[in-house]
């Protein structure tokens, strides 16, 4: 099963401005949540620009990888 069928990506911005114009003190939250159980699998707090890049990479991998491959790849990432 593709990862995007098993997991949902939730990006919560700490403000209204886009990442490019955001305050340097702002923190954005990124969560990968299991669809069936509703449990958080991965969670990151990042500055706006880093959160934007991380979200793009996660969306790409969610669309391309199988669920198990996604967990292995992102479970070993130290960001």
PDB file of N, CA and C in Angstrom:
ATOM      1  N   UNK A   1       0.842  -1.165   0.000  1.00  0.00           N
ATOM      2  CA  UNK A   1       0.000   0.000   0.000  1.00  0.00           C
ATOM      3  C   UNK A   1       0.895   1.237   0.000  1.00  0.00           C
ATOM      4  N   UNK A   2       0.532   2.204  -0.808  1.00  0.00           N
ATOM      5  CA  UNK A   2       1.285   3.460  -0.859  1.00  0.00           C
ATOM      6  C   UNK A   2       1.190   4.186   0.477  1.00  0.00           C
ATOM      7  N   UNK A   3       2.241   4.895   0.804  1.00  0.00           N
ATOM      8  CA  UNK A   3       2.322   5.592   2.084  1.00  0.00           C
ATOM      9  C   UNK A   3       1.242   6.660   2.222  1.00  0.00           C
ATOM     10  N   UNK A   4       0.860   7.299   1.098  1.00  0.00           N
ATOM     11  CA  UNK A   4      -0.155   8.353   1.207  1.00  0.00           C
ATOM     12  C   UNK A   4      -1.547   7.796   1.490  1.00  0.00           C
ATOM     13  N   UNK A   5      -1.721   6.487   1.390  1.00  0.00           N
ATOM     14  CA  UNK A   5      -2.982   5.845   1.757  1.00  0.00           C
ATOM     15  C   UNK A   5      -2.988   5.430   3.227  1.00  0.00           C
ATOM     16  N   UNK A   6      -1.803   5.322   3.817  1.00  0.00           N
ATOM     17  CA  UNK A   6      -1.678   4.886   5.212  1.00  0.00           C
ATOM     18  C   UNK A   6      -1.408   6.039   6.172  1.00  0.00           C
ATOM     19  N   UNK A   7      -0.815   7.139   5.661  1.00  0.00           N
ATOM     20  CA  UNK A   7      -0.419   8.251   6.525  1.00  0.00           C
ATOM     21  C   UNK A   7      -0.890   9.573   5.956  1.00  0.00           C
ATOM     22  N   UNK A   8      -1.122  10.517   6.857  1.00  0.00           N
ATOM     23  CA  UNK A   8      -1.561  11.855   6.479  1.00  0.00           C
ATOM     24  C   UNK A   8      -0.543  12.870   6.989  1.00  0.00           C
ATOM     25  N   UNK A   9      -0.222  13.832   6.162  1.00  0.00           N
ATOM     26  CA  UNK A   9       0.717  14.892   6.528  1.00  0.00           C
ATOM     27  C   UNK A   9      -0.071  16.117   6.978  1.00  0.00           C
ATOM     28  N   UNK A  10       0.260  16.618   8.163  1.00  0.00           N
ATOM     29  CA  UNK A  10      -0.384  17.815   8.692  1.00  0.00           C
ATOM     30  C   UNK A  10       0.710  18.853   8.967  1.00  0.00           C
ATOM     31  N   UNK A  11       0.601  20.000   8.316  1.00  0.00           N
ATOM     32  CA  UNK A  11       1.554  21.096   8.512  1.00  0.00           C
ATOM     33  C   UNK A  11       0.794  22.254   9.145  1.00  0.00           C
ATOM     34  N   UNK A  12       1.254  22.686  10.320  1.00  0.00           N
ATOM     35  CA  UNK A  12       0.627  23.786  11.037  1.00  0.00           C
ATOM     36  C   UNK A  12       1.623  24.929  11.121  1.00  0.00           C
ATOM     37  N   UNK A  13       1.271  26.025  10.477  1.00  0.00           N
ATOM     38  CA  UNK A  13       2.149  27.190  10.503  1.00  0.00           C
ATOM     39  C   UNK A  13       1.930  27.971  11.786  1.00  0.00           C
ATOM     40  N   UNK A  14       2.996  28.541  12.295  1.00  0.00           N
ATOM     41  CA  UNK A  14       2.933  29.321  13.522  1.00  0.00           C
ATOM     42  C   UNK A  14       2.479  30.751  13.303  1.00  0.00           C
ATOM     43  N   UNK A  15       2.129  31.105  12.093  1.00  0.00           N
ATOM     44  CA  UNK A  15       1.672  32.454  11.772  1.00  0.00           C
ATOM     45  C   UNK A  15       1.013  32.469  10.412  1.00  0.00           C
ATOM     46  N   UNK A  16       0.567  33.626  10.001  1.00  0.00           N
ATOM     47  CA  UNK A  16      -0.160  33.736   8.736  1.00  0.00           C
ATOM     48  C   UNK A  16       0.744  33.912   7.517  1.00  0.00           C
ATOM     49  N   UNK A  17       1.915  34.440   7.710  1.00  0.00           N
ATOM     50  CA  UNK A  17       2.811  34.754   6.594  1.00  0.00           C
ATOM     51  C   UNK A  17       3.388  33.473   5.983  1.00  0.00           C
ATOM     52  N   UNK A  18       3.631  33.508   4.668  1.00  0.00           N
ATOM     53  CA  UNK A  18       4.314  32.372   4.043  1.00  0.00           C
ATOM     54  C   UNK A  18       5.742  32.254   4.577  1.00  0.00           C
ATOM     55  N   UNK A  19       6.348  31.104   4.372  1.00  0.00           N
ATOM     56  CA  UNK A  19       7.678  30.822   4.921  1.00  0.00           C
ATOM     57  C   UNK A  19       8.709  31.879   4.526  1.00  0.00           C
ATOM     58  N   UNK A  20       8.635  32.349   3.302  1.00  0.00           N
ATOM     59  CA  UNK A  20       9.612  33.325   2.805  1.00  0.00           C
ATOM     60  C   UNK A  20       9.558  34.642   3.577  1.00  0.00           C
ATOM     61  N   UNK A  21       8.372  35.024   4.042  1.00  0.00           N
ATOM     62  CA  UNK A  21       8.196  36.301   4.726  1.00  0.00           C
ATOM     63  C   UNK A  21       8.013  36.157   6.235  1.00  0.00           C
ATOM     64  N   UNK A  22       8.156  34.960   6.748  1.00  0.00           N
ATOM     65  CA  UNK A  22       7.870  34.693   8.159  1.00  0.00           C
ATOM     66  C   UNK A  22       8.926  35.271   9.084  1.00  0.00           C
ATOM     67  N   UNK A  23       8.497  35.551  10.296  1.00  0.00           N
ATOM     68  CA  UNK A  23       9.383  36.016  11.357  1.00  0.00           C
ATOM     69  C   UNK A  23      10.370  34.900  11.700  1.00  0.00           C
ATOM     70  N   UNK A  24      11.608  35.256  11.995  1.00  0.00           N
ATOM     71  CA  UNK A  24      12.627  34.236  12.276  1.00  0.00           C
ATOM     72  C   UNK A  24      12.342  33.456  13.555  1.00  0.00           C
ATOM     73  N   UNK A  25      11.550  34.000  14.443  1.00  0.00           N
ATOM     74  CA  UNK A  25      11.220  33.322  15.690  1.00  0.00           C
ATOM     75  C   UNK A  25      10.045  32.367  15.583  1.00  0.00           C
ATOM     76  N   UNK A  26       9.384  32.344  14.442  1.00  0.00           N
ATOM     77  CA  UNK A  26       8.216  31.487  14.255  1.00  0.00           C
ATOM     78  C   UNK A  26       8.623  30.019  14.189  1.00  0.00           C
ATOM     79  N   UNK A  27       7.769  29.161  14.700  1.00  0.00           N
ATOM     80  CA  UNK A  27       7.997  27.717  14.647  1.00  0.00           C
ATOM     81  C   UNK A  27       6.793  27.063  13.982  1.00  0.00           C
ATOM     82  N   UNK A  28       7.039  26.256  12.954  1.00  0.00           N
ATOM     83  CA  UNK A  28       5.990  25.502  12.278  1.00  0.00           C
ATOM     84  C   UNK A  28       6.056  24.046  12.732  1.00  0.00           C
ATOM     85  N   UNK A  29       4.907  23.391  12.772  1.00  0.00           N
ATOM     86  CA  UNK A  29       4.814  22.013  13.237  1.00  0.00           C
ATOM     87  C   UNK A  29       4.461  21.105  12.062  1.00  0.00           C
ATOM     88  N   UNK A  30       5.152  19.986  11.971  1.00  0.00           N
ATOM     89  CA  UNK A  30       4.879  19.004  10.924  1.00  0.00           C
ATOM     90  C   UNK A  30       4.606  17.669  11.597  1.00  0.00           C
ATOM     91  N   UNK A  31       3.472  17.067  11.236  1.00  0.00           N
ATOM     92  CA  UNK A  31       3.089  15.778  11.795  1.00  0.00           C
ATOM     93  C   UNK A  31       2.786  14.799  10.663  1.00  0.00           C
ATOM     94  N   UNK A  32       3.176  13.562  10.856  1.00  0.00           N
ATOM     95  CA  UNK A  32       2.736  12.474  10.002  1.00  0.00           C
ATOM     96  C   UNK A  32       1.880  11.595  10.896  1.00  0.00           C
ATOM     97  N   UNK A  33       0.600  11.451  10.510  1.00  0.00           N
ATOM     98  CA  UNK A  33      -0.378  10.761  11.338  1.00  0.00           C
ATOM     99  C   UNK A  33      -0.869   9.513  10.613  1.00  0.00           C
ATOM    100  N   UNK A  34      -0.999   8.432  11.356  1.00  0.00           N
ATOM    101  CA  UNK A  34      -1.541   7.183  10.816  1.00  0.00           C
ATOM    102  C   UNK A  34      -3.041   7.372  10.597  1.00  0.00           C
ATOM    103  N   UNK A  35      -3.520   7.093   9.416  1.00  0.00           N
ATOM    104  CA  UNK A  35      -4.923   7.321   9.084  1.00  0.00           C
ATOM    105  C   UNK A  35      -5.838   6.392   9.867  1.00  0.00           C
ATOM    106  N   UNK A  36      -5.517   5.116   9.927  1.00  0.00           N
ATOM    107  CA  UNK A  36      -6.389   4.141  10.596  1.00  0.00           C
ATOM    108  C   UNK A  36      -6.503   4.376  12.096  1.00  0.00           C
ATOM    109  N   UNK A  37      -5.394   4.592  12.762  1.00  0.00           N
ATOM    110  CA  UNK A  37      -5.396   4.718  14.212  1.00  0.00           C
ATOM    111  C   UNK A  37      -5.409   6.132  14.733  1.00  0.00           C
ATOM    112  N   UNK A  38      -5.041   7.100  13.903  1.00  0.00           N
ATOM    113  CA  UNK A  38      -4.994   8.487  14.322  1.00  0.00           C
ATOM    114  C   UNK A  38      -3.796   8.828  15.193  1.00  0.00           C
ATOM    115  N   UNK A  39      -2.839   7.915  15.289  1.00  0.00           N
ATOM    116  CA  UNK A  39      -1.657   8.160  16.115  1.00  0.00           C
ATOM    117  C   UNK A  39      -0.588   8.915  15.332  1.00  0.00           C
ATOM    118  N   UNK A  40       0.138   9.768  16.029  1.00  0.00           N
ATOM    119  CA  UNK A  40       1.232  10.519  15.418  1.00  0.00           C
ATOM    120  C   UNK A  40       2.425   9.582  15.261  1.00  0.00           C
ATOM    121  N   UNK A  41       2.918   9.464  14.045  1.00  0.00           N
ATOM    122  CA  UNK A  41       4.064   8.610  13.755  1.00  0.00           C
ATOM    123  C   UNK A  41       5.354   9.418  13.847  1.00  0.00           C
ATOM    124  N   UNK A  42       5.364  10.601  13.236  1.00  0.00           N
ATOM    125  CA  UNK A  42       6.511  11.500  13.270  1.00  0.00           C
ATOM    126  C   UNK A  42       6.017  12.910  13.585  1.00  0.00           C
ATOM    127  N   UNK A  43       6.864  13.681  14.293  1.00  0.00           N
ATOM    128  CA  UNK A  43       6.524  15.058  14.641  1.00  0.00           C
ATOM    129  C   UNK A  43       7.801  15.881  14.659  1.00  0.00           C
ATOM    130  N   UNK A  44       7.764  17.031  13.985  1.00  0.00           N
ATOM    131  CA  UNK A  44       8.907  17.939  13.970  1.00  0.00           C
ATOM    132  C   UNK A  44       8.445  19.363  14.213  1.00  0.00           C
ATOM    133  N   UNK A  45       9.241  20.129  14.946  1.00  0.00           N
ATOM    134  CA  UNK A  45       9.105  21.582  15.089  1.00  0.00           C
ATOM    135  C   UNK A  45      10.289  22.198  14.361  1.00  0.00           C
ATOM    136  N   UNK A  46      10.012  23.034  13.377  1.00  0.00           N
ATOM    137  CA  UNK A  46      11.077  23.600  12.554  1.00  0.00           C
ATOM    138  C   UNK A  46      10.811  25.070  12.271  1.00  0.00           C
ATOM    139  N   UNK A  47      11.874  25.836  11.971  1.00  0.00           N
ATOM    140  CA  UNK A  47      11.689  27.202  11.474  1.00  0.00           C
ATOM    141  C   UNK A  47      10.930  27.152  10.143  1.00  0.00           C
ATOM    142  N   UNK A  48      10.271  28.224   9.749  1.00  0.00           N
ATOM    143  CA  UNK A  48       9.393  28.201   8.576  1.00  0.00           C
ATOM    144  C   UNK A  48      10.023  27.685   7.284  1.00  0.00           C
ATOM    145  N   UNK A  49      11.207  28.170   6.947  1.00  0.00           N
ATOM    146  CA  UNK A  49      11.808  27.756   5.677  1.00  0.00           C
ATOM    147  C   UNK A  49      12.180  26.268   5.699  1.00  0.00           C
ATOM    148  N   UNK A  50      12.731  25.797   6.805  1.00  0.00           N
ATOM    149  CA  UNK A  50      13.081  24.376   6.929  1.00  0.00           C
ATOM    150  C   UNK A  50      11.829  23.507   6.939  1.00  0.00           C
ATOM    151  N   UNK A  51      10.764  23.985   7.560  1.00  0.00           N
ATOM    152  CA  UNK A  51       9.511  23.229   7.593  1.00  0.00           C
ATOM    153  C   UNK A  51       8.916  23.101   6.197  1.00  0.00           C
ATOM    154  N   UNK A  52       9.016  24.143   5.428  1.00  0.00           N
ATOM    155  CA  UNK A  52       8.513  24.115   4.054  1.00  0.00           C
ATOM    156  C   UNK A  52       9.259  23.072   3.212  1.00  0.00           C
ATOM    157  N   UNK A  53      10.584  23.068   3.327  1.00  0.00           N
ATOM    158  CA  UNK A  53      11.389  22.083   2.581  1.00  0.00           C
ATOM    159  C   UNK A  53      11.099  20.663   3.043  1.00  0.00           C
ATOM    160  N   UNK A  54      10.972  20.472   4.353  1.00  0.00           N
ATOM    161  CA  UNK A  54      10.682  19.161   4.905  1.00  0.00           C
ATOM    162  C   UNK A  54       9.314  18.664   4.446  1.00  0.00           C
ATOM    163  N   UNK A  55       8.318  19.532   4.445  1.00  0.00           N
ATOM    164  CA  UNK A  55       6.974  19.150   4.004  1.00  0.00           C
ATOM    165  C   UNK A  55       6.964  18.731   2.539  1.00  0.00           C
ATOM    166  N   UNK A  56       7.713  19.443   1.693  1.00  0.00           N
ATOM    167  CA  UNK A  56       7.793  19.063   0.275  1.00  0.00           C
ATOM    168  C   UNK A  56       8.408  17.676   0.114  1.00  0.00           C
ATOM    169  N   UNK A  57       9.476  17.409   0.854  1.00  0.00           N
ATOM    170  CA  UNK A  57      10.137  16.100   0.775  1.00  0.00           C
ATOM    171  C   UNK A  57       9.208  14.991   1.280  1.00  0.00           C
ATOM    172  N   UNK A  58       8.495  15.256   2.356  1.00  0.00           N
ATOM    173  CA  UNK A  58       7.564  14.267   2.889  1.00  0.00           C
ATOM    174  C   UNK A  58       6.426  13.978   1.914  1.00  0.00           C
ATOM    175  N   UNK A  59       5.861  15.029   1.316  1.00  0.00           N
ATOM    176  CA  UNK A  59       4.784  14.829   0.339  1.00  0.00           C
ATOM    177  C   UNK A  59       5.256  13.981  -0.835  1.00  0.00           C
ATOM    178  N   UNK A  60       6.451  14.245  -1.301  1.00  0.00           N
ATOM    179  CA  UNK A  60       7.006  13.488  -2.414  1.00  0.00           C
ATOM    180  C   UNK A  60       7.170  12.018  -2.046  1.00  0.00           C
ATOM    181  N   UNK A  61       7.732  11.749  -0.884  1.00  0.00           N
ATOM    182  CA  UNK A  61       7.935  10.364  -0.463  1.00  0.00           C
ATOM    183  C   UNK A  61       6.620   9.660  -0.149  1.00  0.00           C
ATOM    184  N   UNK A  62       5.658  10.376   0.391  1.00  0.00           N
ATOM    185  CA  UNK A  62       4.348   9.771   0.653  1.00  0.00           C
ATOM    186  C   UNK A  62       3.700   9.292  -0.646  1.00  0.00           C
ATOM    187  N   UNK A  63       3.892  10.042  -1.715  1.00  0.00           N
ATOM    188  CA  UNK A  63       3.296   9.686  -3.001  1.00  0.00           C
ATOM    189  C   UNK A  63       4.044   8.557  -3.706  1.00  0.00           C
ATOM    190  N   UNK A  64       5.337   8.424  -3.457  1.00  0.00           N
ATOM    191  CA  UNK A  64       6.152   7.485  -4.222  1.00  0.00           C
ATOM    192  C   UNK A  64       6.441   6.171  -3.511  1.00  0.00           C
ATOM    193  N   UNK A  65       6.598   6.194  -2.187  1.00  0.00           N
ATOM    194  CA  UNK A  65       7.051   5.015  -1.458  1.00  0.00           C
ATOM    195  C   UNK A  65       5.890   4.185  -0.911  1.00  0.00           C
ATOM    196  N   UNK A  66       6.179   2.931  -0.666  1.00  0.00           N
ATOM    197  CA  UNK A  66       5.240   2.075   0.054  1.00  0.00           C
ATOM    198  C   UNK A  66       5.284   2.461   1.530  1.00  0.00           C
ATOM    199  N   UNK A  67       4.259   2.105   2.288  1.00  0.00           N
ATOM    200  CA  UNK A  67       4.145   2.521   3.689  1.00  0.00           C
ATOM    201  C   UNK A  67       5.342   2.073   4.522  1.00  0.00           C
ATOM    202  N   UNK A  68       5.771   0.826   4.359  1.00  0.00           N
ATOM    203  CA  UNK A  68       6.905   0.317   5.140  1.00  0.00           C
ATOM    204  C   UNK A  68       8.199   1.024   4.758  1.00  0.00           C
ATOM    205  N   UNK A  69       8.391   1.271   3.471  1.00  0.00           N
ATOM    206  CA  UNK A  69       9.586   1.971   3.005  1.00  0.00           C
ATOM    207  C   UNK A  69       9.627   3.396   3.556  1.00  0.00           C
ATOM    208  N   UNK A  70       8.470   4.041   3.605  1.00  0.00           N
ATOM    209  CA  UNK A  70       8.382   5.392   4.130  1.00  0.00           C
ATOM    210  C   UNK A  70       8.808   5.428   5.594  1.00  0.00           C
ATOM    211  N   UNK A  71       8.315   4.480   6.391  1.00  0.00           N
ATOM    212  CA  UNK A  71       8.675   4.431   7.801  1.00  0.00           C
ATOM    213  C   UNK A  71      10.167   4.193   8.016  1.00  0.00           C
ATOM    214  N   UNK A  72      10.733   3.315   7.229  1.00  0.00           N
ATOM    215  CA  UNK A  72      12.168   3.028   7.338  1.00  0.00           C
ATOM    216  C   UNK A  72      12.988   4.259   6.962  1.00  0.00           C
ATOM    217  N   UNK A  73      12.606   4.890   5.863  1.00  0.00           N
ATOM    218  CA  UNK A  73      13.377   6.054   5.405  1.00  0.00           C
ATOM    219  C   UNK A  73      13.315   7.205   6.402  1.00  0.00           C
ATOM    220  N   UNK A  74      12.139   7.581   6.841  1.00  0.00           N
ATOM    221  CA  UNK A  74      11.995   8.737   7.713  1.00  0.00           C
ATOM    222  C   UNK A  74      12.223   8.408   9.179  1.00  0.00           C
ATOM    223  N   UNK A  75      12.193   7.155   9.550  1.00  0.00           N
ATOM    224  CA  UNK A  75      12.468   6.776  10.924  1.00  0.00           C
ATOM    225  C   UNK A  75      13.936   6.921  11.282  1.00  0.00           C
ATOM    226  N   UNK A  76      14.794   6.860  10.285  1.00  0.00           N
ATOM    227  CA  UNK A  76      16.228   6.968  10.523  1.00  0.00           C
ATOM    228  C   UNK A  76      16.767   8.372  10.266  1.00  0.00           C
ATOM    229  N   UNK A  77      15.913   9.305   9.865  1.00  0.00           N
ATOM    230  CA  UNK A  77      16.339  10.658   9.570  1.00  0.00           C
ATOM    231  C   UNK A  77      16.473  11.443  10.859  1.00  0.00           C
ATOM    232  N   UNK A  78      17.635  12.062  11.029  1.00  0.00           N
ATOM    233  CA  UNK A  78      17.877  12.905  12.201  1.00  0.00           C
ATOM    234  C   UNK A  78      17.926  14.348  11.745  1.00  0.00           C
ATOM    235  N   UNK A  79      16.827  15.044  11.905  1.00  0.00           N
ATOM    236  CA  UNK A  79      16.722  16.414  11.412  1.00  0.00           C
ATOM    237  C   UNK A  79      16.904  17.392  12.535  1.00  0.00           C
TER     238      UNK A  79
END
